[in-house]
N, C-alpha and C. Protein backbone atom coordinates (compact mmCIF):
# COMPACT_ATOMS: atom_id res chain seq x y z
N MET A 1 0.82 -1.19 0.00
CA MET A 1 0.00 0.00 0.00
C MET A 1 0.86 1.25 0.00
N SER A 2 1.96 1.22 0.72
CA SER A 2 2.79 2.42 0.77
C SER A 2 3.42 2.72 -0.59
N ALA A 3 3.60 1.69 -1.43
CA ALA A 3 4.14 1.93 -2.77
C ALA A 3 3.16 2.73 -3.61
N TYR A 4 1.88 2.44 -3.48
CA TYR A 4 0.87 3.21 -4.22
C TYR A 4 0.83 4.66 -3.72
N ASP A 5 0.93 4.84 -2.41
CA ASP A 5 0.94 6.17 -1.83
C ASP A 5 2.16 6.95 -2.33
N TRP A 6 3.31 6.31 -2.31
CA TRP A 6 4.54 6.96 -2.77
C TRP A 6 4.45 7.31 -4.25
N PHE A 7 3.94 6.39 -5.06
CA PHE A 7 3.82 6.65 -6.50
C PHE A 7 2.85 7.79 -6.78
N GLY A 8 1.74 7.83 -6.06
CA GLY A 8 0.77 8.91 -6.25
C GLY A 8 1.37 10.26 -5.88
N SER A 9 2.13 10.29 -4.78
CA SER A 9 2.78 11.53 -4.38
C SER A 9 3.83 11.95 -5.39
N LEU A 10 4.58 10.98 -5.86
CA LEU A 10 5.63 11.26 -6.84
C LEU A 10 5.02 11.77 -8.14
N LEU A 11 3.90 11.22 -8.52
CA LEU A 11 3.24 11.63 -9.75
C LEU A 11 2.60 13.01 -9.61
N ALA A 12 2.04 13.29 -8.45
CA ALA A 12 1.32 14.55 -8.25
C ALA A 12 2.26 15.75 -8.07
N TYR A 13 3.48 15.52 -7.60
CA TYR A 13 4.38 16.63 -7.30
C TYR A 13 4.68 17.49 -8.53
N PRO A 14 5.13 16.95 -9.66
CA PRO A 14 5.40 17.82 -10.81
C PRO A 14 4.13 18.44 -11.39
N ILE A 15 3.03 17.74 -11.28
CA ILE A 15 1.77 18.30 -11.77
C ILE A 15 1.39 19.50 -10.92
N GLY A 16 1.54 19.38 -9.60
CA GLY A 16 1.26 20.49 -8.71
C GLY A 16 2.15 21.69 -8.98
N LEU A 17 3.43 21.43 -9.21
CA LEU A 17 4.35 22.53 -9.53
C LEU A 17 3.97 23.20 -10.84
N ALA A 18 3.58 22.43 -11.83
CA ALA A 18 3.21 22.99 -13.12
C ALA A 18 1.94 23.83 -13.02
N ILE A 19 1.04 23.46 -12.13
CA ILE A 19 -0.20 24.21 -11.96
C ILE A 19 0.01 25.42 -11.05
N ALA A 20 0.83 25.28 -10.01
CA ALA A 20 0.99 26.33 -9.01
C ALA A 20 1.67 27.57 -9.58
N ALA A 21 2.67 27.39 -10.43
CA ALA A 21 3.41 28.55 -10.95
C ALA A 21 2.51 29.49 -11.76
N PRO A 22 1.75 29.00 -12.73
CA PRO A 22 0.88 29.92 -13.47
C PRO A 22 -0.22 30.53 -12.59
N LEU A 23 -0.76 29.73 -11.64
CA LEU A 23 -1.79 30.27 -10.75
C LEU A 23 -1.24 31.37 -9.86
N ALA A 24 -0.03 31.18 -9.33
CA ALA A 24 0.58 32.20 -8.49
C ALA A 24 0.83 33.47 -9.28
N GLY A 25 1.21 33.33 -10.54
CA GLY A 25 1.41 34.49 -11.38
C GLY A 25 0.11 35.20 -11.71
N ALA A 26 -0.96 34.43 -11.85
CA ALA A 26 -2.25 35.02 -12.23
C ALA A 26 -2.99 35.65 -11.06
N ILE A 27 -3.01 34.96 -9.91
CA ILE A 27 -3.81 35.48 -8.79
C ILE A 27 -2.97 35.98 -7.63
N GLY A 28 -1.68 35.68 -7.63
CA GLY A 28 -0.81 36.12 -6.54
C GLY A 28 -0.48 34.97 -5.60
N ILE A 29 0.69 35.06 -5.01
CA ILE A 29 1.16 33.98 -4.13
C ILE A 29 0.31 33.89 -2.87
N ARG A 30 0.03 35.03 -2.25
CA ARG A 30 -0.74 35.02 -1.01
C ARG A 30 -2.13 34.41 -1.22
N GLU A 31 -2.79 34.80 -2.28
CA GLU A 31 -4.12 34.28 -2.57
C GLU A 31 -4.08 32.78 -2.85
N LEU A 32 -3.04 32.33 -3.55
CA LEU A 32 -2.90 30.91 -3.83
C LEU A 32 -2.68 30.12 -2.55
N LEU A 33 -1.86 30.65 -1.64
CA LEU A 33 -1.63 29.96 -0.37
C LEU A 33 -2.88 29.93 0.49
N VAL A 34 -3.64 31.01 0.51
CA VAL A 34 -4.90 31.02 1.27
C VAL A 34 -5.88 30.03 0.67
N PHE A 35 -6.00 30.02 -0.65
CA PHE A 35 -6.90 29.07 -1.32
C PHE A 35 -6.48 27.63 -1.01
N SER A 36 -5.18 27.35 -1.06
CA SER A 36 -4.69 26.00 -0.77
C SER A 36 -4.98 25.59 0.66
N ALA A 37 -4.81 26.51 1.60
CA ALA A 37 -5.10 26.21 3.01
C ALA A 37 -6.58 25.92 3.21
N VAL A 38 -7.43 26.73 2.61
CA VAL A 38 -8.88 26.51 2.73
C VAL A 38 -9.28 25.18 2.09
N LEU A 39 -8.70 24.87 0.95
CA LEU A 39 -9.00 23.60 0.29
C LEU A 39 -8.58 22.42 1.16
N GLU A 40 -7.44 22.52 1.81
CA GLU A 40 -6.96 21.45 2.70
C GLU A 40 -7.89 21.28 3.90
N ILE A 41 -8.33 22.38 4.49
CA ILE A 41 -9.23 22.31 5.64
C ILE A 41 -10.57 21.70 5.24
N VAL A 42 -11.09 22.10 4.09
CA VAL A 42 -12.37 21.55 3.61
C VAL A 42 -12.23 20.05 3.36
N THR A 43 -11.11 19.63 2.80
CA THR A 43 -10.88 18.21 2.55
C THR A 43 -10.82 17.41 3.85
N ILE A 44 -10.13 17.93 4.84
CA ILE A 44 -10.03 17.24 6.14
C ILE A 44 -11.40 17.15 6.80
N VAL A 45 -12.16 18.23 6.78
CA VAL A 45 -13.49 18.22 7.38
C VAL A 45 -14.40 17.23 6.65
N ALA A 46 -14.28 17.16 5.32
CA ALA A 46 -15.10 16.22 4.55
C ALA A 46 -14.77 14.78 4.92
N ILE A 47 -13.49 14.49 5.10
CA ILE A 47 -13.10 13.13 5.49
C ILE A 47 -13.61 12.81 6.90
N LEU A 48 -13.49 13.76 7.80
CA LEU A 48 -13.95 13.53 9.17
C LEU A 48 -15.47 13.48 9.29
N ALA A 49 -16.18 13.96 8.29
CA ALA A 49 -17.64 13.92 8.32
C ALA A 49 -18.19 12.53 7.98
N VAL A 50 -17.36 11.66 7.46
CA VAL A 50 -17.80 10.31 7.10
C VAL A 50 -17.84 9.46 8.37
N ARG A 51 -19.00 8.90 8.66
CA ARG A 51 -19.20 8.16 9.89
C ARG A 51 -18.27 6.96 10.01
N SER A 52 -18.00 6.28 8.92
CA SER A 52 -17.15 5.09 9.00
C SER A 52 -15.72 5.44 9.41
N VAL A 53 -15.29 6.66 9.17
CA VAL A 53 -13.97 7.07 9.62
C VAL A 53 -13.93 7.13 11.14
N TRP A 54 -15.00 7.58 11.75
CA TRP A 54 -15.08 7.65 13.21
C TRP A 54 -15.13 6.27 13.85
N ASN A 55 -15.58 5.26 13.10
CA ASN A 55 -15.73 3.92 13.65
C ASN A 55 -14.53 3.02 13.38
N LEU A 56 -13.47 3.55 12.82
CA LEU A 56 -12.29 2.74 12.55
C LEU A 56 -11.66 2.29 13.87
N GLU A 57 -11.22 1.05 13.87
CA GLU A 57 -10.55 0.51 15.05
C GLU A 57 -9.13 0.14 14.67
N ALA A 58 -8.23 0.31 15.60
CA ALA A 58 -6.84 -0.07 15.36
C ALA A 58 -6.73 -1.59 15.31
N SER A 59 -5.99 -2.08 14.35
CA SER A 59 -5.79 -3.53 14.28
C SER A 59 -4.58 -3.89 15.13
N PRO A 60 -4.60 -5.08 15.70
CA PRO A 60 -3.44 -5.48 16.50
C PRO A 60 -2.20 -5.59 15.63
N THR A 61 -1.08 -5.23 16.18
CA THR A 61 0.15 -5.32 15.40
C THR A 61 0.60 -6.76 15.32
N GLU A 62 1.11 -7.11 14.17
CA GLU A 62 1.58 -8.48 13.97
C GLU A 62 3.03 -8.57 14.42
N THR A 63 3.32 -9.64 15.09
CA THR A 63 4.71 -9.85 15.51
C THR A 63 5.30 -10.99 14.68
N THR A 64 6.55 -10.86 14.35
CA THR A 64 7.20 -11.92 13.59
C THR A 64 7.86 -12.89 14.57
N PRO A 65 7.78 -14.17 14.27
CA PRO A 65 8.41 -15.15 15.16
C PRO A 65 9.92 -14.98 15.17
N SER A 66 10.53 -15.18 16.34
CA SER A 66 11.99 -15.03 16.46
C SER A 66 12.70 -16.29 16.06
């Protein structure tokens, strides 16, 4: 699972840079940072609004035999 997470992050990084530069030039750096912060907060609140997220339980850690 971590390989998929790493690949998605690796793939999204250059795309984000390519989008951020023209947006910062068009609307300004401060406005882009405020928009990004608001978008992040909205995303976190949306995830926390899902009931099944609140019901997640920690799974026991697996131990390897010595």
